[in-house]
């Protein structure tokens, strides 16, 4: 099954897209690879690429949260 991209999910996806280049070290190798793949599909102009599946969504959501927490720790330390 594929997820429906609600405004909340789109926000999470955009957050992951913005944080991935800077905070991917907060993720495991698997999370980094899968998140990069999902973000790549999201940013692609190719509309034949598959949407996000139910199995991929929790990984993306956890990755976005981990990167957001790493970003917050960085700004608090500064």
N, C-alpha and C. Protein backbone atom coordinates (compact mmCIF):
# COMPACT_ATOMS: atom_id res chain seq x y z
N UNK A 1 0.83 -1.18 0.00
CA UNK A 1 0.00 0.00 0.00
C UNK A 1 0.87 1.25 0.00
N UNK A 2 0.32 2.29 -0.54
CA UNK A 2 1.02 3.57 -0.58
C UNK A 2 0.31 4.56 0.33
N UNK A 3 1.08 5.47 0.90
CA UNK A 3 0.48 6.46 1.79
C UNK A 3 -0.09 7.61 0.98
N UNK A 4 -1.04 8.30 1.58
CA UNK A 4 -1.58 9.53 1.00
C UNK A 4 -0.79 10.66 1.63
N UNK A 5 -0.32 11.58 0.84
CA UNK A 5 0.53 12.67 1.32
C UNK A 5 -0.35 13.79 1.88
N UNK A 6 -0.62 13.73 3.18
CA UNK A 6 -1.39 14.76 3.87
C UNK A 6 -0.48 15.96 4.13
N UNK A 7 -1.03 17.10 4.51
CA UNK A 7 -0.17 18.26 4.82
C UNK A 7 0.86 17.96 5.91
N UNK A 8 0.48 17.17 6.93
CA UNK A 8 1.42 16.83 7.99
C UNK A 8 2.55 15.94 7.46
N UNK A 9 2.20 14.99 6.62
CA UNK A 9 3.22 14.10 6.05
C UNK A 9 4.11 14.86 5.07
N UNK A 10 3.53 15.78 4.34
CA UNK A 10 4.35 16.58 3.42
C UNK A 10 5.33 17.44 4.20
N UNK A 11 4.89 17.98 5.35
CA UNK A 11 5.79 18.75 6.21
C UNK A 11 6.96 17.88 6.66
N UNK A 12 6.66 16.66 7.11
CA UNK A 12 7.71 15.74 7.55
C UNK A 12 8.68 15.43 6.41
N UNK A 13 8.15 15.21 5.24
CA UNK A 13 8.97 14.92 4.08
C UNK A 13 9.85 16.11 3.71
N UNK A 14 9.30 17.30 3.75
CA UNK A 14 10.09 18.50 3.45
C UNK A 14 11.16 18.74 4.52
N UNK A 15 10.83 18.45 5.77
CA UNK A 15 11.80 18.57 6.85
C UNK A 15 12.97 17.62 6.63
N UNK A 16 12.66 16.38 6.29
CA UNK A 16 13.72 15.40 6.00
C UNK A 16 14.55 15.84 4.81
N UNK A 17 13.90 16.42 3.81
CA UNK A 17 14.61 16.89 2.62
C UNK A 17 15.62 17.99 2.98
N UNK A 18 15.22 18.89 3.85
CA UNK A 18 16.10 20.00 4.24
C UNK A 18 17.22 19.58 5.18
N UNK A 19 16.94 18.65 6.07
CA UNK A 19 17.93 18.27 7.08
C UNK A 19 18.90 17.19 6.63
N UNK A 20 18.52 16.38 5.66
CA UNK A 20 19.34 15.25 5.24
C UNK A 20 20.78 15.62 4.88
N UNK A 21 21.02 16.69 4.10
CA UNK A 21 22.40 17.00 3.76
C UNK A 21 23.27 17.38 4.97
N UNK A 22 22.66 17.85 6.03
CA UNK A 22 23.42 18.39 7.16
C UNK A 22 23.46 17.48 8.38
N UNK A 23 22.46 16.65 8.56
CA UNK A 23 22.36 15.85 9.78
C UNK A 23 22.17 14.36 9.52
N UNK A 24 22.59 13.89 8.36
CA UNK A 24 22.43 12.46 8.06
C UNK A 24 23.28 11.59 8.97
N UNK A 25 24.31 12.16 9.60
CA UNK A 25 25.14 11.37 10.50
C UNK A 25 24.38 10.94 11.76
N UNK A 26 23.22 11.52 12.01
CA UNK A 26 22.39 11.13 13.15
C UNK A 26 21.60 9.85 12.86
N UNK A 27 21.68 9.36 11.63
CA UNK A 27 20.91 8.20 11.20
C UNK A 27 21.80 6.98 11.04
N UNK A 28 21.17 5.82 11.10
CA UNK A 28 21.89 4.59 10.78
C UNK A 28 22.09 4.54 9.26
N UNK A 29 22.93 3.64 8.83
CA UNK A 29 23.19 3.51 7.39
C UNK A 29 21.89 3.21 6.64
N UNK A 30 21.10 2.28 7.17
CA UNK A 30 19.84 1.91 6.54
C UNK A 30 18.89 3.10 6.45
N UNK A 31 18.74 3.84 7.55
CA UNK A 31 17.85 5.00 7.56
C UNK A 31 18.33 6.06 6.56
N UNK A 32 19.64 6.28 6.53
CA UNK A 32 20.21 7.28 5.62
C UNK A 32 19.93 6.91 4.17
N UNK A 33 20.16 5.64 3.82
CA UNK A 33 19.96 5.19 2.44
C UNK A 33 18.49 5.27 2.04
N UNK A 34 17.61 4.79 2.89
CA UNK A 34 16.18 4.79 2.57
C UNK A 34 15.64 6.21 2.52
N UNK A 35 16.05 7.06 3.45
CA UNK A 35 15.60 8.44 3.44
C UNK A 35 16.08 9.16 2.19
N UNK A 36 17.32 8.94 1.81
CA UNK A 36 17.85 9.56 0.59
C UNK A 36 17.08 9.08 -0.64
N UNK A 37 16.72 7.81 -0.67
CA UNK A 37 15.95 7.29 -1.80
C UNK A 37 14.56 7.92 -1.87
N UNK A 38 13.89 8.01 -0.73
CA UNK A 38 12.54 8.59 -0.68
C UNK A 38 12.60 10.07 -1.07
N UNK A 39 13.56 10.80 -0.51
CA UNK A 39 13.71 12.23 -0.83
C UNK A 39 14.01 12.40 -2.32
N UNK A 40 14.86 11.53 -2.85
CA UNK A 40 15.17 11.59 -4.28
C UNK A 40 13.93 11.39 -5.14
N UNK A 41 13.09 10.44 -4.76
CA UNK A 41 11.84 10.23 -5.51
C UNK A 41 10.92 11.42 -5.36
N UNK A 42 10.88 12.00 -4.18
CA UNK A 42 10.00 13.16 -3.93
C UNK A 42 10.44 14.36 -4.77
N UNK A 43 11.74 14.58 -4.87
CA UNK A 43 12.25 15.73 -5.60
C UNK A 43 12.32 15.52 -7.11
N UNK A 44 12.21 14.28 -7.55
CA UNK A 44 12.33 13.96 -8.97
C UNK A 44 11.16 14.53 -9.76
N UNK A 45 11.45 14.91 -10.97
CA UNK A 45 10.41 15.39 -11.88
C UNK A 45 9.75 14.22 -12.62
N UNK A 46 10.29 13.01 -12.43
CA UNK A 46 9.76 11.82 -13.07
C UNK A 46 8.53 11.34 -12.30
N UNK A 47 7.38 11.43 -12.89
CA UNK A 47 6.14 11.07 -12.21
C UNK A 47 5.86 9.58 -12.24
N UNK A 48 6.74 8.81 -12.89
CA UNK A 48 6.57 7.36 -12.93
C UNK A 48 7.22 6.68 -11.74
N UNK A 49 7.92 7.45 -10.90
CA UNK A 49 8.56 6.86 -9.72
C UNK A 49 7.49 6.49 -8.70
N UNK A 50 7.71 5.41 -7.96
CA UNK A 50 6.69 4.98 -7.00
C UNK A 50 6.57 5.93 -5.82
N UNK A 51 5.36 6.08 -5.29
CA UNK A 51 5.18 6.91 -4.11
C UNK A 51 5.73 6.21 -2.86
N UNK A 52 5.54 6.80 -1.73
CA UNK A 52 6.03 6.25 -0.48
C UNK A 52 5.10 5.14 0.00
N UNK A 53 5.68 4.03 0.41
CA UNK A 53 4.86 2.90 0.88
C UNK A 53 4.61 3.00 2.38
N UNK A 54 3.66 2.20 2.83
CA UNK A 54 3.35 2.12 4.27
C UNK A 54 4.57 1.66 5.06
N UNK A 55 5.38 0.79 4.49
CA UNK A 55 6.56 0.27 5.19
C UNK A 55 7.67 1.32 5.27
N UNK A 56 7.77 2.20 4.28
CA UNK A 56 8.82 3.21 4.27
C UNK A 56 8.50 4.40 5.18
N UNK A 57 7.23 4.69 5.35
CA UNK A 57 6.85 5.90 6.07
C UNK A 57 7.39 5.96 7.50
N UNK A 58 7.26 4.91 8.32
CA UNK A 58 7.78 5.00 9.70
C UNK A 58 9.28 5.27 9.75
N UNK A 59 10.03 4.71 8.81
CA UNK A 59 11.48 4.95 8.77
C UNK A 59 11.75 6.41 8.45
N UNK A 60 11.03 6.96 7.49
CA UNK A 60 11.21 8.36 7.13
C UNK A 60 10.82 9.27 8.30
N UNK A 61 9.73 8.95 8.95
CA UNK A 61 9.27 9.76 10.08
C UNK A 61 10.28 9.75 11.23
N UNK A 62 10.81 8.57 11.55
CA UNK A 62 11.82 8.46 12.60
C UNK A 62 13.10 9.18 12.21
N UNK A 63 13.49 9.08 10.95
CA UNK A 63 14.70 9.76 10.48
C UNK A 63 14.54 11.27 10.57
N UNK A 64 13.39 11.78 10.17
CA UNK A 64 13.15 13.23 10.25
C UNK A 64 13.21 13.69 11.70
N UNK A 65 12.66 12.91 12.61
CA UNK A 65 12.69 13.28 14.03
C UNK A 65 14.12 13.25 14.57
N UNK A 66 14.88 12.23 14.21
CA UNK A 66 16.27 12.13 14.69
C UNK A 66 17.11 13.30 14.17
N UNK A 67 16.92 13.67 12.91
CA UNK A 67 17.68 14.78 12.35
C UNK A 67 17.25 16.10 12.96
N UNK A 68 15.95 16.27 13.23
CA UNK A 68 15.46 17.50 13.87
C UNK A 68 16.03 17.62 15.28
N UNK A 69 16.10 16.51 16.01
CA UNK A 69 16.69 16.54 17.35
C UNK A 69 18.17 16.86 17.30
N UNK A 70 18.88 16.32 16.33
CA UNK A 70 20.31 16.62 16.17
C UNK A 70 20.50 18.10 15.84
N UNK A 71 19.63 18.64 15.01
CA UNK A 71 19.69 20.06 14.67
C UNK A 71 19.44 20.93 15.90
N UNK A 72 18.45 20.54 16.70
CA UNK A 72 18.14 21.31 17.91
C UNK A 72 19.30 21.27 18.91
N UNK A 73 19.93 20.10 19.05
CA UNK A 73 21.09 19.99 19.95
C UNK A 73 22.22 20.88 19.48
N UNK A 74 22.42 20.94 18.18
CA UNK A 74 23.49 21.77 17.63
C UNK A 74 23.23 23.25 17.94
N UNK A 75 22.00 23.68 17.74
CA UNK A 75 21.69 25.10 17.98
C UNK A 75 21.71 25.45 19.45
N UNK A 76 21.34 24.50 20.32
CA UNK A 76 21.41 24.75 21.76
C UNK A 76 22.86 24.85 22.23
N UNK A 77 23.73 24.06 21.60
CA UNK A 77 25.14 24.06 22.00
C UNK A 77 25.87 25.32 21.53
N UNK A 78 25.34 25.95 20.49
CA UNK A 78 26.01 27.13 19.93
C UNK A 78 25.79 28.36 20.77
